Amino acid sequence: MQLPIETFPALERAGCHHGFVGRVPGIELSHDKAVVLENLDKVHRQARQILGLGDRKFITVRQVHGDKIARVDSVPATDRCFEGCDGLITNQRRSLPRDLRS
């Protein structure tokens, strides 16, 4: 299965190695949320490998389609997920190679 990963040239030119994972065929979103998130975690780990970011720490958001933006003040020691956000902002270099969790 080919993953629906989208990248943007402007972000690449700015030095932000990134990828946005779209809806994945075959992952039903109407079941138990914990099961869906577990399935999506597997997909996002696969996307990391495809993008060449498998060994990097990730900062993600669990999107709610609202107006909350999380501020990233430091490069994380471990993966970190901000709940209920739709965006990230930082002044930390190399802290945001991204995959977004829907």
PDB file of N, CA and C in Angstrom:
ATOM      1  N   MET A   1       0.841  -1.177   0.000  1.00  0.00           N
ATOM      2  CA  MET A   1       0.000   0.000   0.000  1.00  0.00           C
ATOM      3  C   MET A   1       0.889   1.244   0.000  1.00  0.00           C
ATOM      4  N   GLN A   2       0.617   2.154  -0.878  1.00  0.00           N
ATOM      5  CA  GLN A   2       1.328   3.418  -0.932  1.00  0.00           C
ATOM      6  C   GLN A   2       0.625   4.414  -0.009  1.00  0.00           C
ATOM      7  N   LEU A   3       1.385   5.007   0.903  1.00  0.00           N
ATOM      8  CA  LEU A   3       0.791   5.954   1.851  1.00  0.00           C
ATOM      9  C   LEU A   3       0.559   7.306   1.206  1.00  0.00           C
ATOM     10  N   PRO A   4      -0.537   7.971   1.595  1.00  0.00           N
ATOM     11  CA  PRO A   4      -0.822   9.314   1.075  1.00  0.00           C
ATOM     12  C   PRO A   4      -0.041  10.368   1.859  1.00  0.00           C
ATOM     13  N   ILE A   5       1.223  10.571   1.466  1.00  0.00           N
ATOM     14  CA  ILE A   5       2.086  11.534   2.144  1.00  0.00           C
ATOM     15  C   ILE A   5       2.247  12.742   1.240  1.00  0.00           C
ATOM     16  N   GLU A   6       1.961  13.904   1.799  1.00  0.00           N
ATOM     17  CA  GLU A   6       2.089  15.143   1.033  1.00  0.00           C
ATOM     18  C   GLU A   6       3.219  15.975   1.634  1.00  0.00           C
ATOM     19  N   THR A   7       4.011  16.580   0.752  1.00  0.00           N
ATOM     20  CA  THR A   7       5.058  17.499   1.185  1.00  0.00           C
ATOM     21  C   THR A   7       4.912  18.796   0.410  1.00  0.00           C
ATOM     22  N   PHE A   8       5.525  19.840   0.935  1.00  0.00           N
ATOM     23  CA  PHE A   8       5.420  21.153   0.316  1.00  0.00           C
ATOM     24  C   PHE A   8       6.809  21.706   0.024  1.00  0.00           C
ATOM     25  N   PRO A   9       7.088  22.043  -1.247  1.00  0.00           N
ATOM     26  CA  PRO A   9       8.409  22.536  -1.629  1.00  0.00           C
ATOM     27  C   PRO A   9       8.878  23.742  -0.815  1.00  0.00           C
ATOM     28  N   ALA A  10       7.988  24.654  -0.476  1.00  0.00           N
ATOM     29  CA  ALA A  10       8.390  25.842   0.285  1.00  0.00           C
ATOM     30  C   ALA A  10       8.949  25.457   1.655  1.00  0.00           C
ATOM     31  N   LEU A  11       8.359  24.457   2.304  1.00  0.00           N
ATOM     32  CA  LEU A  11       8.881  24.009   3.595  1.00  0.00           C
ATOM     33  C   LEU A  11      10.229  23.319   3.426  1.00  0.00           C
ATOM     34  N   GLU A  12      10.364  22.522   2.377  1.00  0.00           N
ATOM     35  CA  GLU A  12      11.649  21.869   2.109  1.00  0.00           C
ATOM     36  C   GLU A  12      12.747  22.904   1.873  1.00  0.00           C
ATOM     37  N   ARG A  13      12.437  23.930   1.079  1.00  0.00           N
ATOM     38  CA  ARG A  13      13.432  24.980   0.815  1.00  0.00           C
ATOM     39  C   ARG A  13      13.830  25.706   2.092  1.00  0.00           C
ATOM     40  N   ALA A  14      12.922  25.774   3.043  1.00  0.00           N
ATOM     41  CA  ALA A  14      13.212  26.439   4.319  1.00  0.00           C
ATOM     42  C   ALA A  14      13.936  25.505   5.293  1.00  0.00           C
ATOM     43  N   GLY A  15      14.216  24.276   4.863  1.00  0.00           N
ATOM     44  CA  GLY A  15      14.948  23.335   5.706  1.00  0.00           C
ATOM     45  C   GLY A  15      14.088  22.508   6.629  1.00  0.00           C
ATOM     46  N   CYS A  16      12.793  22.486   6.402  1.00  0.00           N
ATOM     47  CA  CYS A  16      11.881  21.707   7.238  1.00  0.00           C
ATOM     48  C   CYS A  16      11.560  20.398   6.525  1.00  0.00           C
ATOM     49  N   HIS A  17      12.240  19.327   6.923  1.00  0.00           N
ATOM     50  CA  HIS A  17      11.946  18.014   6.352  1.00  0.00           C
ATOM     51  C   HIS A  17      10.656  17.546   7.015  1.00  0.00           C
ATOM     52  N   HIS A  18       9.650  17.270   6.235  1.00  0.00           N
ATOM     53  CA  HIS A  18       8.311  17.069   6.785  1.00  0.00           C
ATOM     54  C   HIS A  18       7.501  16.127   5.921  1.00  0.00           C
ATOM     55  N   GLY A  19       6.340  15.768   6.414  1.00  0.00           N
ATOM     56  CA  GLY A  19       5.365  15.016   5.651  1.00  0.00           C
ATOM     57  C   GLY A  19       4.028  15.069   6.358  1.00  0.00           C
ATOM     58  N   PHE A  20       2.986  15.238   5.591  1.00  0.00           N
ATOM     59  CA  PHE A  20       1.625  15.248   6.125  1.00  0.00           C
ATOM     60  C   PHE A  20       0.938  13.994   5.606  1.00  0.00           C
ATOM     61  N   VAL A  21       0.495  13.148   6.504  1.00  0.00           N
ATOM     62  CA  VAL A  21      -0.145  11.891   6.121  1.00  0.00           C
ATOM     63  C   VAL A  21      -1.641  12.137   6.012  1.00  0.00           C
ATOM     64  N   GLY A  22      -2.187  11.878   4.832  1.00  0.00           N
ATOM     65  CA  GLY A  22      -3.624  12.018   4.611  1.00  0.00           C
ATOM     66  C   GLY A  22      -4.381  10.806   5.106  1.00  0.00           C
ATOM     67  N   ARG A  23      -5.650  10.777   4.801  1.00  0.00           N
ATOM     68  CA  ARG A  23      -6.475   9.618   5.185  1.00  0.00           C
ATOM     69  C   ARG A  23      -5.940   8.373   4.506  1.00  0.00           C
ATOM     70  N   VAL A  24      -5.888   7.310   5.267  1.00  0.00           N
ATOM     71  CA  VAL A  24      -5.329   6.051   4.777  1.00  0.00           C
ATOM     72  C   VAL A  24      -6.464   5.080   4.489  1.00  0.00           C
ATOM     73  N   PRO A  25      -6.576   4.640   3.232  1.00  0.00           N
ATOM     74  CA  PRO A  25      -7.621   3.673   2.901  1.00  0.00           C
ATOM     75  C   PRO A  25      -7.491   2.416   3.761  1.00  0.00           C
ATOM     76  N   GLY A  26      -8.605   1.924   4.245  1.00  0.00           N
ATOM     77  CA  GLY A  26      -8.591   0.700   5.038  1.00  0.00           C
ATOM     78  C   GLY A  26      -8.577   0.932   6.536  1.00  0.00           C
ATOM     79  N   ILE A  27      -8.303   2.151   6.990  1.00  0.00           N
ATOM     80  CA  ILE A  27      -8.367   2.434   8.423  1.00  0.00           C
ATOM     81  C   ILE A  27      -9.708   3.097   8.689  1.00  0.00           C
ATOM     82  N   GLU A  28     -10.583   2.327   9.288  1.00  0.00           N
ATOM     83  CA  GLU A  28     -11.926   2.809   9.592  1.00  0.00           C
ATOM     84  C   GLU A  28     -11.848   3.758  10.780  1.00  0.00           C
ATOM     85  N   LEU A  29     -12.421   4.932  10.636  1.00  0.00           N
ATOM     86  CA  LEU A  29     -12.339   5.938  11.681  1.00  0.00           C
ATOM     87  C   LEU A  29     -13.540   5.958  12.608  1.00  0.00           C
ATOM     88  N   SER A  30     -14.477   5.058  12.434  1.00  0.00           N
ATOM     89  CA  SER A  30     -15.676   5.087  13.258  1.00  0.00           C
ATOM     90  C   SER A  30     -15.626   4.103  14.431  1.00  0.00           C
ATOM     91  N   HIS A  31     -14.560   3.329  14.546  1.00  0.00           N
ATOM     92  CA  HIS A  31     -14.459   2.365  15.640  1.00  0.00           C
ATOM     93  C   HIS A  31     -13.887   3.023  16.882  1.00  0.00           C
ATOM     94  N   ASP A  32     -13.607   2.209  17.874  1.00  0.00           N
ATOM     95  CA  ASP A  32     -13.017   2.669  19.127  1.00  0.00           C
ATOM     96  C   ASP A  32     -11.779   3.537  18.861  1.00  0.00           C
ATOM     97  N   LYS A  33     -11.737   4.722  19.476  1.00  0.00           N
ATOM     98  CA  LYS A  33     -10.666   5.686  19.230  1.00  0.00           C
ATOM     99  C   LYS A  33      -9.285   5.105  19.531  1.00  0.00           C
ATOM    100  N   ALA A  34      -9.155   4.342  20.600  1.00  0.00           N
ATOM    101  CA  ALA A  34      -7.862   3.759  20.964  1.00  0.00           C
ATOM    102  C   ALA A  34      -7.356   2.820  19.869  1.00  0.00           C
ATOM    103  N   VAL A  35      -8.252   2.046  19.282  1.00  0.00           N
ATOM    104  CA  VAL A  35      -7.878   1.129  18.200  1.00  0.00           C
ATOM    105  C   VAL A  35      -7.448   1.922  16.969  1.00  0.00           C
ATOM    106  N   VAL A  36      -8.189   2.959  16.638  1.00  0.00           N
ATOM    107  CA  VAL A  36      -7.852   3.800  15.489  1.00  0.00           C
ATOM    108  C   VAL A  36      -6.481   4.434  15.689  1.00  0.00           C
ATOM    109  N   LEU A  37      -6.234   4.979  16.874  1.00  0.00           N
ATOM    110  CA  LEU A  37      -4.940   5.623  17.132  1.00  0.00           C
ATOM    111  C   LEU A  37      -3.788   4.627  17.073  1.00  0.00           C
ATOM    112  N   GLU A  38      -4.014   3.415  17.519  1.00  0.00           N
ATOM    113  CA  GLU A  38      -2.983   2.374  17.426  1.00  0.00           C
ATOM    114  C   GLU A  38      -2.679   2.059  15.955  1.00  0.00           C
ATOM    115  N   ASN A  39      -3.730   1.931  15.154  1.00  0.00           N
ATOM    116  CA  ASN A  39      -3.540   1.671  13.723  1.00  0.00           C
ATOM    117  C   ASN A  39      -2.830   2.838  13.037  1.00  0.00           C
ATOM    118  N   LEU A  40      -3.221   4.058  13.395  1.00  0.00           N
ATOM    119  CA  LEU A  40      -2.581   5.235  12.799  1.00  0.00           C
ATOM    120  C   LEU A  40      -1.124   5.348  13.229  1.00  0.00           C
ATOM    121  N   ASP A  41      -0.811   4.950  14.449  1.00  0.00           N
ATOM    122  CA  ASP A  41       0.579   4.986  14.907  1.00  0.00           C
ATOM    123  C   ASP A  41       1.449   4.114  14.014  1.00  0.00           C
ATOM    124  N   LYS A  42       0.955   2.948  13.646  1.00  0.00           N
ATOM    125  CA  LYS A  42       1.701   2.059  12.741  1.00  0.00           C
ATOM    126  C   LYS A  42       1.927   2.735  11.396  1.00  0.00           C
ATOM    127  N   VAL A  43       0.909   3.397  10.879  1.00  0.00           N
ATOM    128  CA  VAL A  43       1.012   4.099   9.600  1.00  0.00           C
ATOM    129  C   VAL A  43       2.023   5.238   9.694  1.00  0.00           C
ATOM    130  N   HIS A  44       1.978   5.998  10.782  1.00  0.00           N
ATOM    131  CA  HIS A  44       2.891   7.122  10.934  1.00  0.00           C
ATOM    132  C   HIS A  44       4.336   6.659  11.083  1.00  0.00           C
ATOM    133  N   ARG A  45       4.550   5.541  11.742  1.00  0.00           N
ATOM    134  CA  ARG A  45       5.910   4.991  11.836  1.00  0.00           C
ATOM    135  C   ARG A  45       6.411   4.570  10.454  1.00  0.00           C
ATOM    136  N   GLN A  46       5.529   4.008   9.653  1.00  0.00           N
ATOM    137  CA  GLN A  46       5.876   3.644   8.279  1.00  0.00           C
ATOM    138  C   GLN A  46       6.203   4.907   7.471  1.00  0.00           C
ATOM    139  N   ALA A  47       5.431   5.949   7.653  1.00  0.00           N
ATOM    140  CA  ALA A  47       5.693   7.215   6.950  1.00  0.00           C
ATOM    141  C   ALA A  47       7.045   7.782   7.342  1.00  0.00           C
ATOM    142  N   ARG A  48       7.404   7.678   8.614  1.00  0.00           N
ATOM    143  CA  ARG A  48       8.717   8.154   9.054  1.00  0.00           C
ATOM    144  C   ARG A  48       9.836   7.462   8.281  1.00  0.00           C
ATOM    145  N   GLN A  49       9.693   6.155   8.109  1.00  0.00           N
ATOM    146  CA  GLN A  49      10.710   5.401   7.378  1.00  0.00           C
ATOM    147  C   GLN A  49      10.781   5.862   5.924  1.00  0.00           C
ATOM    148  N   ILE A  50       9.639   6.023   5.301  1.00  0.00           N
ATOM    149  CA  ILE A  50       9.576   6.461   3.902  1.00  0.00           C
ATOM    150  C   ILE A  50      10.251   7.825   3.737  1.00  0.00           C
ATOM    151  N   LEU A  51      10.040   8.718   4.701  1.00  0.00           N
ATOM    152  CA  LEU A  51      10.596  10.068   4.635  1.00  0.00           C
ATOM    153  C   LEU A  51      12.052  10.133   5.111  1.00  0.00           C
ATOM    154  N   GLY A  52      12.594   9.003   5.556  1.00  0.00           N
ATOM    155  CA  GLY A  52      13.969   8.986   6.042  1.00  0.00           C
ATOM    156  C   GLY A  52      14.119   9.607   7.416  1.00  0.00           C
ATOM    157  N   LEU A  53      13.062   9.559   8.219  1.00  0.00           N
ATOM    158  CA  LEU A  53      13.063  10.188   9.538  1.00  0.00           C
ATOM    159  C   LEU A  53      12.838   9.183  10.663  1.00  0.00           C
ATOM    160  N   GLY A  54      13.086   7.918  10.395  1.00  0.00           N
ATOM    161  CA  GLY A  54      12.761   6.872  11.356  1.00  0.00           C
ATOM    162  C   GLY A  54      13.419   6.996  12.708  1.00  0.00           C
ATOM    163  N   ASP A  55      14.603   7.606  12.777  1.00  0.00           N
ATOM    164  CA  ASP A  55      15.321   7.688  14.051  1.00  0.00           C
ATOM    165  C   ASP A  55      15.165   9.037  14.743  1.00  0.00           C
ATOM    166  N   ARG A  56      14.364   9.923  14.187  1.00  0.00           N
ATOM    167  CA  ARG A  56      14.175  11.262  14.765  1.00  0.00           C
ATOM    168  C   ARG A  56      13.026  11.263  15.770  1.00  0.00           C
ATOM    169  N   LYS A  57      13.097  12.146  16.745  1.00  0.00           N
ATOM    170  CA  LYS A  57      12.000  12.342  17.692  1.00  0.00           C
ATOM    171  C   LYS A  57      10.940  13.203  17.019  1.00  0.00           C
ATOM    172  N   PHE A  58       9.685  12.907  17.265  1.00  0.00           N
ATOM    173  CA  PHE A  58       8.604  13.607  16.595  1.00  0.00           C
ATOM    174  C   PHE A  58       7.735  14.365  17.576  1.00  0.00           C
ATOM    175  N   ILE A  59       7.283  15.518  17.121  1.00  0.00           N
ATOM    176  CA  ILE A  59       6.289  16.301  17.832  1.00  0.00           C
ATOM    177  C   ILE A  59       5.052  16.266  16.945  1.00  0.00           C
ATOM    178  N   THR A  60       3.961  15.818  17.511  1.00  0.00           N
ATOM    179  CA  THR A  60       2.735  15.688  16.728  1.00  0.00           C
ATOM    180  C   THR A  60       1.584  16.376  17.448  1.00  0.00           C
ATOM    181  N   VAL A  61       0.481  16.508  16.737  1.00  0.00           N
ATOM    182  CA  VAL A  61      -0.741  17.022  17.337  1.00  0.00           C
ATOM    183  C   VAL A  61      -1.861  16.034  17.069  1.00  0.00           C
ATOM    184  N   ARG A  62      -2.796  15.975  17.961  1.00  0.00           N
ATOM    185  CA  ARG A  62      -4.014  15.214  17.745  1.00  0.00           C
ATOM    186  C   ARG A  62      -5.055  16.242  17.364  1.00  0.00           C
ATOM    187  N   GLN A  63      -5.274  16.378  16.064  1.00  0.00           N
ATOM    188  CA  GLN A  63      -6.095  17.463  15.525  1.00  0.00           C
ATOM    189  C   GLN A  63      -7.551  17.386  15.942  1.00  0.00           C
ATOM    190  N   VAL A  64      -8.118  18.575  16.191  1.00  0.00           N
ATOM    191  CA  VAL A  64      -9.537  18.681  16.521  1.00  0.00           C
ATOM    192  C   VAL A  64     -10.245  19.678  15.608  1.00  0.00           C
ATOM    193  N   HIS A  65      -9.499  20.277  14.699  1.00  0.00           N
ATOM    194  CA  HIS A  65     -10.036  21.269  13.762  1.00  0.00           C
ATOM    195  C   HIS A  65     -10.634  22.460  14.508  1.00  0.00           C
ATOM    196  N   GLY A  66      -9.819  23.007  15.401  1.00  0.00           N
ATOM    197  CA  GLY A  66     -10.182  24.193  16.159  1.00  0.00           C
ATOM    198  C   GLY A  66      -9.171  25.297  15.898  1.00  0.00           C
ATOM    199  N   ASP A  67      -8.876  26.089  16.933  1.00  0.00           N
ATOM    200  CA  ASP A  67      -7.958  27.208  16.734  1.00  0.00           C
ATOM    201  C   ASP A  67      -6.776  27.208  17.710  1.00  0.00           C
ATOM    202  N   LYS A  68      -6.508  26.086  18.372  1.00  0.00           N
ATOM    203  CA  LYS A  68      -5.423  26.016  19.343  1.00  0.00           C
ATOM    204  C   LYS A  68      -4.097  25.680  18.643  1.00  0.00           C
ATOM    205  N   ILE A  69      -3.065  26.465  18.966  1.00  0.00           N
ATOM    206  CA  ILE A  69      -1.715  26.254  18.451  1.00  0.00           C
ATOM    207  C   ILE A  69      -0.808  25.960  19.638  1.00  0.00           C
ATOM    208  N   ALA A  70      -0.022  24.892  19.566  1.00  0.00           N
ATOM    209  CA  ALA A  70       0.900  24.544  20.646  1.00  0.00           C
ATOM    210  C   ALA A  70       2.263  25.176  20.375  1.00  0.00           C
ATOM    211  N   ARG A  71       2.905  25.652  21.441  1.00  0.00           N
ATOM    212  CA  ARG A  71       4.236  26.246  21.328  1.00  0.00           C
ATOM    213  C   ARG A  71       5.272  25.215  21.758  1.00  0.00           C
ATOM    214  N   VAL A  72       6.267  24.986  20.921  1.00  0.00           N
ATOM    215  CA  VAL A  72       7.342  24.047  21.208  1.00  0.00           C
ATOM    216  C   VAL A  72       8.552  24.870  21.630  1.00  0.00           C
ATOM    217  N   ASP A  73       8.928  24.758  22.915  1.00  0.00           N
ATOM    218  CA  ASP A  73      10.011  25.570  23.455  1.00  0.00           C
ATOM    219  C   ASP A  73      11.370  24.887  23.452  1.00  0.00           C
ATOM    220  N   SER A  74      11.389  23.571  23.233  1.00  0.00           N
ATOM    221  CA  SER A  74      12.668  22.868  23.237  1.00  0.00           C
ATOM    222  C   SER A  74      12.563  21.616  22.364  1.00  0.00           C
ATOM    223  N   VAL A  75      13.712  21.145  21.940  1.00  0.00           N
ATOM    224  CA  VAL A  75      13.765  19.913  21.159  1.00  0.00           C
ATOM    225  C   VAL A  75      13.456  18.768  22.115  1.00  0.00           C
ATOM    226  N   PRO A  76      12.509  17.901  21.774  1.00  0.00           N
ATOM    227  CA  PRO A  76      12.100  16.856  22.719  1.00  0.00           C
ATOM    228  C   PRO A  76      13.125  15.733  22.840  1.00  0.00           C
ATOM    229  N   ALA A  77      13.184  15.137  24.034  1.00  0.00           N
ATOM    230  CA  ALA A  77      14.039  13.970  24.258  1.00  0.00           C
ATOM    231  C   ALA A  77      13.333  12.701  23.793  1.00  0.00           C
ATOM    232  N   THR A  78      11.992  12.758  23.779  1.00  0.00           N
ATOM    233  CA  THR A  78      11.182  11.625  23.323  1.00  0.00           C
ATOM    234  C   THR A  78      10.065  12.182  22.441  1.00  0.00           C
ATOM    235  N   ASP A  79       9.364  11.298  21.755  1.00  0.00           N
ATOM    236  CA  ASP A  79       8.208  11.736  20.966  1.00  0.00           C
ATOM    237  C   ASP A  79       7.233  12.452  21.894  1.00  0.00           C
ATOM    238  N   ARG A  80       6.553  13.465  21.358  1.00  0.00           N
ATOM    239  CA  ARG A  80       5.580  14.209  22.146  1.00  0.00           C
ATOM    240  C   ARG A  80       4.364  14.514  21.292  1.00  0.00           C
ATOM    241  N   CYS A  81       3.182  14.314  21.867  1.00  0.00           N
ATOM    242  CA  CYS A  81       1.935  14.612  21.179  1.00  0.00           C
ATOM    243  C   CYS A  81       1.156  15.647  21.972  1.00  0.00           C
ATOM    244  N   PHE A  82       0.771  16.735  21.301  1.00  0.00           N
ATOM    245  CA  PHE A  82      -0.074  17.747  21.902  1.00  0.00           C
ATOM    246  C   PHE A  82      -1.522  17.384  21.578  1.00  0.00           C
ATOM    247  N   GLU A  83      -2.332  17.225  22.608  1.00  0.00           N
ATOM    248  CA  GLU A  83      -3.741  16.871  22.435  1.00  0.00           C
ATOM    249  C   GLU A  83      -4.559  18.106  22.083  1.00  0.00           C
ATOM    250  N   GLY A  84      -5.520  17.936  21.203  1.00  0.00           N
ATOM    251  CA  GLY A  84      -6.496  18.977  20.923  1.00  0.00           C
ATOM    252  C   GLY A  84      -5.937  20.238  20.296  1.00  0.00           C
ATOM    253  N   CYS A  85      -4.967  20.090  19.424  1.00  0.00           N
ATOM    254  CA  CYS A  85      -4.358  21.238  18.736  1.00  0.00           C
ATOM    255  C   CYS A  85      -4.494  21.062  17.228  1.00  0.00           C
ATOM    256  N   ASP A  86      -4.244  22.134  16.523  1.00  0.00           N
ATOM    257  CA  ASP A  86      -4.252  22.054  15.060  1.00  0.00           C
ATOM    258  C   ASP A  86      -2.991  22.601  14.427  1.00  0.00           C
ATOM    259  N   GLY A  87      -2.063  23.030  15.239  1.00  0.00           N
ATOM    260  CA  GLY A  87      -0.828  23.549  14.677  1.00  0.00           C
ATOM    261  C   GLY A  87       0.256  23.642  15.724  1.00  0.00           C
ATOM    262  N   LEU A  88       1.487  23.852  15.247  1.00  0.00           N
ATOM    263  CA  LEU A  88       2.649  23.999  16.103  1.00  0.00           C
ATOM    264  C   LEU A  88       3.426  25.223  15.673  1.00  0.00           C
ATOM    265  N   ILE A  89       4.088  25.855  16.646  1.00  0.00           N
ATOM    266  CA  ILE A  89       4.983  26.954  16.345  1.00  0.00           C
ATOM    267  C   ILE A  89       6.213  26.777  17.234  1.00  0.00           C
ATOM    268  N   THR A  90       7.387  27.123  16.705  1.00  0.00           N
ATOM    269  CA  THR A  90       8.615  26.976  17.473  1.00  0.00           C
ATOM    270  C   THR A  90       9.682  27.930  16.966  1.00  0.00           C
ATOM    271  N   ASN A  91      10.680  28.159  17.798  1.00  0.00           N
ATOM    272  CA  ASN A  91      11.891  28.846  17.371  1.00  0.00           C
ATOM    273  C   ASN A  91      13.082  27.897  17.463  1.00  0.00           C
ATOM    274  N   GLN A  92      12.792  26.607  17.665  1.00  0.00           N
ATOM    275  CA  GLN A  92      13.829  25.596  17.812  1.00  0.00           C
ATOM    276  C   GLN A  92      14.186  24.982  16.461  1.00  0.00           C
ATOM    277  N   ARG A  93      15.429  25.102  16.092  1.00  0.00           N
ATOM    278  CA  ARG A  93      15.908  24.522  14.850  1.00  0.00           C
ATOM    279  C   ARG A  93      15.888  23.002  14.952  1.00  0.00           C
ATOM    280  N   ARG A  94      15.462  22.325  13.905  1.00  0.00           N
ATOM    281  CA  ARG A  94      15.444  20.866  13.797  1.00  0.00           C
ATOM    282  C   ARG A  94      14.460  20.191  14.748  1.00  0.00           C
ATOM    283  N   SER A  95      13.496  20.920  15.284  1.00  0.00           N
ATOM    284  CA  SER A  95      12.572  20.279  16.229  1.00  0.00           C
ATOM    285  C   SER A  95      11.263  19.839  15.599  1.00  0.00           C
ATOM    286  N   LEU A  96      11.012  20.186  14.348  1.00  0.00           N
ATOM    287  CA  LEU A  96       9.702  19.885  13.798  1.00  0.00           C
ATOM    288  C   LEU A  96       9.674  19.083  12.505  1.00  0.00           C
ATOM    289  N   PRO A  97      10.445  18.015  12.349  1.00  0.00           N
ATOM    290  CA  PRO A  97      10.114  17.115  11.245  1.00  0.00           C
ATOM    291  C   PRO A  97       8.789  16.483  11.607  1.00  0.00           C
ATOM    292  N   ARG A  98       7.755  16.583  10.807  1.00  0.00           N
ATOM    293  CA  ARG A  98       6.400  16.381  11.283  1.00  0.00           C
ATOM    294  C   ARG A  98       5.604  15.311  10.569  1.00  0.00           C
ATOM    295  N   ASP A  99       4.781  14.708  11.309  1.00  0.00           N
ATOM    296  CA  ASP A  99       3.637  13.974  10.763  1.00  0.00           C
ATOM    297  C   ASP A  99       2.452  14.423  11.600  1.00  0.00           C
ATOM    298  N   LEU A 100       1.327  14.662  11.004  1.00  0.00           N
ATOM    299  CA  LEU A 100       0.149  15.106  11.743  1.00  0.00           C
ATOM    300  C   LEU A 100      -0.785  13.931  11.973  1.00  0.00           C
ATOM    301  N   ARG A 101      -1.266  13.833  13.192  1.00  0.00           N
ATOM    302  CA  ARG A 101      -2.227  12.769  13.504  1.00  0.00           C
ATOM    303  C   ARG A 101      -3.623  13.340  13.382  1.00  0.00           C
ATOM    304  N   SER A 102      -4.401  12.694  12.610  1.00  0.00           N
ATOM    305  CA  SER A 102      -5.776  13.173  12.403  1.00  0.00           C
ATOM    306  C   SER A 102      -6.691  12.632  13.461  1.00  0.00           C
TER     307      SER A 102
END
